[in-house]
């Protein structure tokens, strides 16, 4: 009678340490590489248009005004946007004697992604807000109603001076459809005073009327 050979039992334990380490490295990479859209400090009801141009997200300087006439500035969260925000804070601080500390300039850069809308004289106290207080605080807006005290001009001048006369690649105007014309006019006055004659107007997309040349163009591009 033949004897059956017994198969030795082997351990099924697998060391997962290396796998877990790699997983955390991949997760960390995506967390650092992903761009999160900063919360908007004001809700805007844009005018409608049939334009289909994609809104740029790099090297953006945006001026926003709501239906109350409050004006805000913001910068894109990319490298160029952060650099522009830093230059604006540094130059504005020197020009207006604000004595902004490095920590306050850093806060300006952080807040500028969501929007800054305070008079120059209130900027230093505004930069003392915590992140939570920033979200709750109703900013009064950058004064533009008085043509003799159009402080948007101060912010623009600081930005362009800091960049040596060069303007951001993408200057945008983000206005509410219900904004009264004088506010819009004074924003444009500040643009003109600082040599800004070209900008993009942000609008809400609506359907292209059937049969129009633009409708036919879109249909041709879709084929």
C-alpha atoms as a PDB file:
ATOM      1  CA  UNK A   1       0.000   0.000   0.000  1.00  0.00           C
ATOM      2  CA  UNK A   2       1.535   3.297  -1.100  1.00  0.00           C
ATOM      3  CA  UNK A   3       1.816   6.164   1.245  1.00  0.00           C
ATOM      4  CA  UNK A   4       0.339   9.539   0.274  1.00  0.00           C
ATOM      5  CA  UNK A   5       2.711  12.455   0.473  1.00  0.00           C
ATOM      6  CA  UNK A   6       1.412  15.125   2.762  1.00  0.00           C
ATOM      7  CA  UNK A   7       1.460  18.677   1.361  1.00  0.00           C
ATOM      8  CA  UNK A   8       2.989  21.102   3.783  1.00  0.00           C
ATOM      9  CA  UNK A   9       0.714  23.923   4.803  1.00  0.00           C
ATOM     10  CA  UNK A  10       2.000  27.389   3.872  1.00  0.00           C
ATOM     11  CA  UNK A  11       1.131  30.640   5.535  1.00  0.00           C
ATOM     12  CA  UNK A  12      -1.326  32.858   3.603  1.00  0.00           C
ATOM     13  CA  UNK A  13      -0.285  36.014   5.469  1.00  0.00           C
ATOM     14  CA  UNK A  14       0.715  38.844   3.109  1.00  0.00           C
ATOM     15  CA  UNK A  15       2.583  41.918   4.263  1.00  0.00           C
ATOM     16  CA  UNK A  16       0.371  44.860   3.177  1.00  0.00           C
ATOM     17  CA  UNK A  17       2.635  47.574   4.583  1.00  0.00           C
ATOM     18  CA  UNK A  18       4.122  48.543   1.216  1.00  0.00           C
ATOM     19  CA  UNK A  19       0.667  48.591  -0.438  1.00  0.00           C
ATOM     20  CA  UNK A  20      -0.761  50.866   2.278  1.00  0.00           C
ATOM     21  CA  UNK A  21       2.224  53.200   1.991  1.00  0.00           C
ATOM     22  CA  UNK A  22       1.768  53.495  -1.783  1.00  0.00           C
ATOM     23  CA  UNK A  23      -1.976  54.106  -1.351  1.00  0.00           C
ATOM     24  CA  UNK A  24      -1.363  56.955   1.061  1.00  0.00           C
ATOM     25  CA  UNK A  25       1.243  58.447  -1.263  1.00  0.00           C
ATOM     26  CA  UNK A  26      -1.237  58.415  -4.166  1.00  0.00           C
ATOM     27  CA  UNK A  27      -3.997  59.895  -1.979  1.00  0.00           C
ATOM     28  CA  UNK A  28      -1.656  62.644  -0.754  1.00  0.00           C
ATOM     29  CA  UNK A  29      -0.648  63.467  -4.325  1.00  0.00           C
ATOM     30  CA  UNK A  30      -4.252  63.917  -5.453  1.00  0.00           C
ATOM     31  CA  UNK A  31      -5.084  66.006  -2.379  1.00  0.00           C
ATOM     32  CA  UNK A  32      -2.200  68.352  -3.126  1.00  0.00           C
ATOM     33  CA  UNK A  33      -2.714  68.455  -6.885  1.00  0.00           C
ATOM     34  CA  UNK A  34      -6.483  68.962  -6.892  1.00  0.00           C
ATOM     35  CA  UNK A  35      -7.707  72.547  -7.131  1.00  0.00           C
ATOM     36  CA  UNK A  36     -10.702  73.311  -4.953  1.00  0.00           C
ATOM     37  CA  UNK A  37     -12.904  76.193  -6.019  1.00  0.00           C
ATOM     38  CA  UNK A  38     -12.940  78.821  -3.237  1.00  0.00           C
ATOM     39  CA  UNK A  39     -16.363  79.747  -1.862  1.00  0.00           C
ATOM     40  CA  UNK A  40     -17.915  82.794  -3.497  1.00  0.00           C
ATOM     41  CA  UNK A  41     -18.600  85.595  -1.019  1.00  0.00           C
ATOM     42  CA  UNK A  42     -21.454  86.985  -3.104  1.00  0.00           C
ATOM     43  CA  UNK A  43     -24.145  85.479  -5.312  1.00  0.00           C
ATOM     44  CA  UNK A  44     -24.378  86.921  -8.826  1.00  0.00           C
ATOM     45  CA  UNK A  45     -27.214  86.642 -11.336  1.00  0.00           C
ATOM     46  CA  UNK A  46     -25.302  87.145 -14.566  1.00  0.00           C
ATOM     47  CA  UNK A  47     -26.901  88.580 -17.702  1.00  0.00           C
ATOM     48  CA  UNK A  48     -27.650  85.903 -20.253  1.00  0.00           C
ATOM     49  CA  UNK A  49     -25.919  85.409 -23.587  1.00  0.00           C
ATOM     50  CA  UNK A  50     -25.395  82.712 -26.189  1.00  0.00           C
ATOM     51  CA  UNK A  51     -21.607  82.869 -25.971  1.00  0.00           C
ATOM     52  CA  UNK A  52     -19.957  79.500 -25.501  1.00  0.00           C
ATOM     53  CA  UNK A  53     -16.419  80.612 -24.692  1.00  0.00           C
ATOM     54  CA  UNK A  54     -14.916  78.793 -21.749  1.00  0.00           C
ATOM     55  CA  UNK A  55     -14.043  80.971 -18.760  1.00  0.00           C
ATOM     56  CA  UNK A  56     -10.277  80.995 -18.178  1.00  0.00           C
ATOM     57  CA  UNK A  57      -8.971  79.836 -14.811  1.00  0.00           C
ATOM     58  CA  UNK A  58      -5.308  80.924 -15.023  1.00  0.00           C
ATOM     59  CA  UNK A  59      -3.810  84.354 -14.352  1.00  0.00           C
ATOM     60  CA  UNK A  60      -7.296  85.771 -13.741  1.00  0.00           C
ATOM     61  CA  UNK A  61      -8.140  89.109 -12.157  1.00  0.00           C
ATOM     62  CA  UNK A  62     -11.872  89.480 -11.643  1.00  0.00           C
ATOM     63  CA  UNK A  63     -14.005  92.438 -10.593  1.00  0.00           C
ATOM     64  CA  UNK A  64     -17.437  91.444  -9.301  1.00  0.00           C
ATOM     65  CA  UNK A  65     -20.381  93.664  -8.406  1.00  0.00           C
ATOM     66  CA  UNK A  66     -23.709  92.496  -6.991  1.00  0.00           C
ATOM     67  CA  UNK A  67     -27.233  93.881  -7.199  1.00  0.00           C
ATOM     68  CA  UNK A  68     -26.517  96.161  -4.216  1.00  0.00           C
ATOM     69  CA  UNK A  69     -23.601  97.766  -6.026  1.00  0.00           C
ATOM     70  CA  UNK A  70     -20.977  96.143  -3.782  1.00  0.00           C
ATOM     71  CA  UNK A  71     -17.695  95.706  -5.652  1.00  0.00           C
ATOM     72  CA  UNK A  72     -15.179  92.921  -5.031  1.00  0.00           C
ATOM     73  CA  UNK A  73     -11.843  91.923  -6.512  1.00  0.00           C
ATOM     74  CA  UNK A  74     -10.525  88.381  -6.724  1.00  0.00           C
ATOM     75  CA  UNK A  75      -7.576  86.496  -8.168  1.00  0.00           C
ATOM     76  CA  UNK A  76      -7.313  82.969  -9.518  1.00  0.00           C
ATOM     77  CA  UNK A  77      -5.835  80.411  -7.159  1.00  0.00           C
ATOM     78  CA  UNK A  78      -3.011  79.420  -9.525  1.00  0.00           C
ATOM     79  CA  UNK A  79       0.624  80.514  -9.182  1.00  0.00           C
ATOM     80  CA  UNK A  80       0.160  83.671 -11.279  1.00  0.00           C
ATOM     81  CA  UNK A  81      -2.988  84.653  -9.413  1.00  0.00           C
ATOM     82  CA  UNK A  82      -1.338  84.268  -6.016  1.00  0.00           C
ATOM     83  CA  UNK A  83       1.664  86.291  -7.165  1.00  0.00           C
ATOM     84  CA  UNK A  84      -0.611  89.069  -8.440  1.00  0.00           C
ATOM     85  CA  UNK A  85      -2.494  89.114  -5.140  1.00  0.00           C
ATOM     86  CA  UNK A  86       0.771  89.357  -3.223  1.00  0.00           C
ATOM     87  CA  UNK A  87       2.022  92.240  -5.373  1.00  0.00           C
ATOM     88  CA  UNK A  88      -1.289  94.086  -4.940  1.00  0.00           C
ATOM     89  CA  UNK A  89      -1.174  93.747  -1.153  1.00  0.00           C
ATOM     90  CA  UNK A  90       2.473  94.795  -0.911  1.00  0.00           C
ATOM     91  CA  UNK A  91       2.146  97.851  -3.159  1.00  0.00           C
ATOM     92  CA  UNK A  92      -1.218  98.934  -1.730  1.00  0.00           C
ATOM     93  CA  UNK A  93       0.204  98.635   1.773  1.00  0.00           C
ATOM     94  CA  UNK A  94       3.132 100.888   0.877  1.00  0.00           C
ATOM     95  CA  UNK A  95       1.062 103.407  -1.075  1.00  0.00           C
ATOM     96  CA  UNK A  96      -1.556 103.807   1.646  1.00  0.00           C
ATOM     97  CA  UNK A  97       0.701 103.399   4.682  1.00  0.00           C
ATOM     98  CA  UNK A  98      -1.112 100.283   5.915  1.00  0.00           C
ATOM     99  CA  UNK A  99       2.041  98.572   7.222  1.00  0.00           C
ATOM    100  CA  UNK A 100       0.783  95.120   6.315  1.00  0.00           C
ATOM    101  CA  UNK A 101       2.731  92.326   7.968  1.00  0.00           C
ATOM    102  CA  UNK A 102       3.844  89.194   6.074  1.00  0.00           C
ATOM    103  CA  UNK A 103       1.047  87.294   7.840  1.00  0.00           C
ATOM    104  CA  UNK A 104      -1.546  89.871   6.716  1.00  0.00           C
ATOM    105  CA  UNK A 105      -0.254  89.732   3.143  1.00  0.00           C
ATOM    106  CA  UNK A 106      -0.553  85.939   3.275  1.00  0.00           C
ATOM    107  CA  UNK A 107      -4.155  86.324   4.468  1.00  0.00           C
ATOM    108  CA  UNK A 108      -4.839  88.776   1.626  1.00  0.00           C
ATOM    109  CA  UNK A 109      -3.659  86.149  -0.858  1.00  0.00           C
ATOM    110  CA  UNK A 110      -5.890  83.511   0.751  1.00  0.00           C
ATOM    111  CA  UNK A 111      -8.994  85.734   0.958  1.00  0.00           C
ATOM    112  CA  UNK A 112      -8.479  87.097  -2.552  1.00  0.00           C
ATOM    113  CA  UNK A 113      -9.412  83.752  -4.118  1.00  0.00           C
ATOM    114  CA  UNK A 114     -12.937  84.108  -2.724  1.00  0.00           C
ATOM    115  CA  UNK A 115     -13.201  87.880  -3.049  1.00  0.00           C
ATOM    116  CA  UNK A 116     -12.146  91.041  -1.230  1.00  0.00           C
ATOM    117  CA  UNK A 117     -14.598  93.915  -1.024  1.00  0.00           C
ATOM    118  CA  UNK A 118     -13.650  96.413   1.678  1.00  0.00           C
ATOM    119  CA  UNK A 119     -12.495 100.058   1.625  1.00  0.00           C
ATOM    120  CA  UNK A 120      -8.731 100.456   1.746  1.00  0.00           C
ATOM    121  CA  UNK A 121      -8.954 101.972   5.236  1.00  0.00           C
ATOM    122  CA  UNK A 122     -10.635  98.810   6.568  1.00  0.00           C
ATOM    123  CA  UNK A 123      -8.298  96.373   4.864  1.00  0.00           C
ATOM    124  CA  UNK A 124      -5.944  95.797   7.803  1.00  0.00           C
ATOM    125  CA  UNK A 125      -8.751  94.969  10.247  1.00  0.00           C
ATOM    126  CA  UNK A 126     -10.409  92.816   7.595  1.00  0.00           C
ATOM    127  CA  UNK A 127      -7.236  90.744   7.261  1.00  0.00           C
ATOM    128  CA  UNK A 128      -7.398  90.000  10.998  1.00  0.00           C
ATOM    129  CA  UNK A 129     -10.547  87.896  10.478  1.00  0.00           C
ATOM    130  CA  UNK A 130     -10.392  84.143  10.895  1.00  0.00           C
ATOM    131  CA  UNK A 131     -11.422  81.867   8.044  1.00  0.00           C
ATOM    132  CA  UNK A 132     -14.816  81.281   9.680  1.00  0.00           C
ATOM    133  CA  UNK A 133     -15.375  84.988  10.332  1.00  0.00           C
ATOM    134  CA  UNK A 134     -14.442  85.733   6.716  1.00  0.00           C
ATOM    135  CA  UNK A 135     -17.239  83.446   5.499  1.00  0.00           C
ATOM    136  CA  UNK A 136     -19.801  85.107   7.806  1.00  0.00           C
ATOM    137  CA  UNK A 137     -18.700  88.718   7.393  1.00  0.00           C
ATOM    138  CA  UNK A 138     -20.778  90.788   4.971  1.00  0.00           C
ATOM    139  CA  UNK A 139     -18.222  92.900   3.184  1.00  0.00           C
ATOM    140  CA  UNK A 140     -19.407  96.443   2.402  1.00  0.00           C
ATOM    141  CA  UNK A 141     -17.732  96.456  -1.015  1.00  0.00           C
ATOM    142  CA  UNK A 142     -14.946  98.588  -2.470  1.00  0.00           C
ATOM    143  CA  UNK A 143     -16.291 102.168  -2.756  1.00  0.00           C
ATOM    144  CA  UNK A 144     -16.938 103.205  -6.357  1.00  0.00           C
ATOM    145  CA  UNK A 145     -20.162 105.257  -6.168  1.00  0.00           C
ATOM    146  CA  UNK A 146     -18.299 108.517  -5.512  1.00  0.00           C
ATOM    147  CA  UNK A 147     -16.168 109.408  -8.531  1.00  0.00           C
ATOM    148  CA  UNK A 148     -13.814 111.350  -6.259  1.00  0.00           C
ATOM    149  CA  UNK A 149     -13.321 108.308  -4.027  1.00  0.00           C
ATOM    150  CA  UNK A 150     -13.340 105.424  -6.474  1.00  0.00           C
ATOM    151  CA  UNK A 151     -11.140 103.045  -4.474  1.00  0.00           C
ATOM    152  CA  UNK A 152     -11.232 100.351  -7.127  1.00  0.00           C
ATOM    153  CA  UNK A 153      -8.695 102.612  -8.815  1.00  0.00           C
ATOM    154  CA  UNK A 154      -6.397 102.177  -5.779  1.00  0.00           C
ATOM    155  CA  UNK A 155      -6.535  98.383  -5.984  1.00  0.00           C
ATOM    156  CA  UNK A 156      -6.006  98.390  -9.749  1.00  0.00           C
ATOM    157  CA  UNK A 157      -3.133 100.851  -9.546  1.00  0.00           C
ATOM    158  CA  UNK A 158      -1.421  98.728  -6.897  1.00  0.00           C
ATOM    159  CA  UNK A 159      -1.780  95.600  -9.021  1.00  0.00           C
ATOM    160  CA  UNK A 160      -0.462  97.129 -12.239  1.00  0.00           C
ATOM    161  CA  UNK A 161       2.311  99.041 -10.455  1.00  0.00           C
ATOM    162  CA  UNK A 162       3.432  95.832  -8.742  1.00  0.00           C
ATOM    163  CA  UNK A 163       3.574  94.078 -12.111  1.00  0.00           C
ATOM    164  CA  UNK A 164       5.686  96.845 -13.622  1.00  0.00           C
ATOM    165  CA  UNK A 165       2.862  98.111 -15.813  1.00  0.00           C
ATOM    166  CA  UNK A 166       1.916  94.652 -17.070  1.00  0.00           C
ATOM    167  CA  UNK A 167      -1.708  93.538 -16.760  1.00  0.00           C
ATOM    168  CA  UNK A 168      -3.034  90.060 -15.905  1.00  0.00           C
ATOM    169  CA  UNK A 169      -3.682  87.858 -18.912  1.00  0.00           C
ATOM    170  CA  UNK A 170      -7.385  87.467 -18.130  1.00  0.00           C
ATOM    171  CA  UNK A 171      -9.277  90.464 -16.753  1.00  0.00           C
ATOM    172  CA  UNK A 172     -12.937  89.687 -16.143  1.00  0.00           C
ATOM    173  CA  UNK A 173     -16.027  91.623 -15.193  1.00  0.00           C
ATOM    174  CA  UNK A 174     -18.612  89.629 -13.270  1.00  0.00           C
ATOM    175  CA  UNK A 175     -21.708  91.780 -12.833  1.00  0.00           C
ATOM    176  CA  UNK A 176     -25.203  91.135 -11.574  1.00  0.00           C
ATOM    177  CA  UNK A 177     -27.973  91.684 -14.077  1.00  0.00           C
ATOM    178  CA  UNK A 178     -29.809  93.927 -11.582  1.00  0.00           C
ATOM    179  CA  UNK A 179     -26.880  96.251 -10.846  1.00  0.00           C
ATOM    180  CA  UNK A 180     -27.644  99.925 -11.374  1.00  0.00           C
ATOM    181  CA  UNK A 181     -25.779 101.510 -14.256  1.00  0.00           C
ATOM    182  CA  UNK A 182     -23.779 104.127 -12.237  1.00  0.00           C
ATOM    183  CA  UNK A 183     -21.881 101.352 -10.434  1.00  0.00           C
ATOM    184  CA  UNK A 184     -21.066  99.612 -13.711  1.00  0.00           C
ATOM    185  CA  UNK A 185     -20.002 102.949 -15.220  1.00  0.00           C
ATOM    186  CA  UNK A 186     -17.675 103.756 -12.314  1.00  0.00           C
ATOM    187  CA  UNK A 187     -16.073 100.315 -12.511  1.00  0.00           C
ATOM    188  CA  UNK A 188     -15.316 100.994 -16.170  1.00  0.00           C
ATOM    189  CA  UNK A 189     -13.993 104.444 -15.219  1.00  0.00           C
ATOM    190  CA  UNK A 190     -11.457 102.804 -12.890  1.00  0.00           C
ATOM    191  CA  UNK A 191     -10.515 100.361 -15.665  1.00  0.00           C
ATOM    192  CA  UNK A 192      -9.993 103.182 -18.136  1.00  0.00           C
ATOM    193  CA  UNK A 193      -7.938 105.218 -15.658  1.00  0.00           C
ATOM    194  CA  UNK A 194      -5.542 102.289 -15.332  1.00  0.00           C
ATOM    195  CA  UNK A 195      -5.270 101.621 -19.058  1.00  0.00           C
ATOM    196  CA  UNK A 196      -7.581  98.600 -19.085  1.00  0.00           C
ATOM    197  CA  UNK A 197      -9.584  98.706 -22.287  1.00  0.00           C
ATOM    198  CA  UNK A 198      -9.999  94.991 -22.931  1.00  0.00           C
ATOM    199  CA  UNK A 199     -11.748  92.562 -20.602  1.00  0.00           C
ATOM    200  CA  UNK A 200     -14.141  89.620 -20.675  1.00  0.00           C
ATOM    201  CA  UNK A 201     -17.724  89.892 -19.442  1.00  0.00           C
ATOM    202  CA  UNK A 202     -18.989  86.809 -17.617  1.00  0.00           C
ATOM    203  CA  UNK A 203     -22.509  85.833 -18.661  1.00  0.00           C
ATOM    204  CA  UNK A 204     -24.950  82.987 -18.084  1.00  0.00           C
ATOM    205  CA  UNK A 205     -25.402  80.587 -20.962  1.00  0.00           C
ATOM    206  CA  UNK A 206     -28.747  80.382 -22.743  1.00  0.00           C
ATOM    207  CA  UNK A 207     -29.921  78.526 -25.815  1.00  0.00           C
ATOM    208  CA  UNK A 208     -28.995  79.821 -29.237  1.00  0.00           C
ATOM    209  CA  UNK A 209     -32.083  80.822 -31.271  1.00  0.00           C
ATOM    210  CA  UNK A 210     -32.848  78.228 -33.936  1.00  0.00           C
ATOM    211  CA  UNK A 211     -31.963  79.256 -37.475  1.00  0.00           C
ATOM    212  CA  UNK A 212     -29.470  81.985 -36.555  1.00  0.00           C
ATOM    213  CA  UNK A 213     -25.926  81.954 -37.994  1.00  0.00           C
ATOM    214  CA  UNK A 214     -24.542  81.075 -34.542  1.00  0.00           C
ATOM    215  CA  UNK A 215     -26.985  78.162 -34.274  1.00  0.00           C
ATOM    216  CA  UNK A 216     -25.854  76.874 -37.668  1.00  0.00           C
ATOM    217  CA  UNK A 217     -22.209  77.293 -36.666  1.00  0.00           C
ATOM    218  CA  UNK A 218     -22.690  75.291 -33.464  1.00  0.00           C
ATOM    219  CA  UNK A 219     -24.472  72.547 -35.401  1.00  0.00           C
ATOM    220  CA  UNK A 220     -21.630  72.392 -37.936  1.00  0.00           C
ATOM    221  CA  UNK A 221     -19.025  72.176 -35.184  1.00  0.00           C
ATOM    222  CA  UNK A 222     -20.961  69.404 -33.462  1.00  0.00           C
ATOM    223  CA  UNK A 223     -20.896  67.177 -36.581  1.00  0.00           C
END
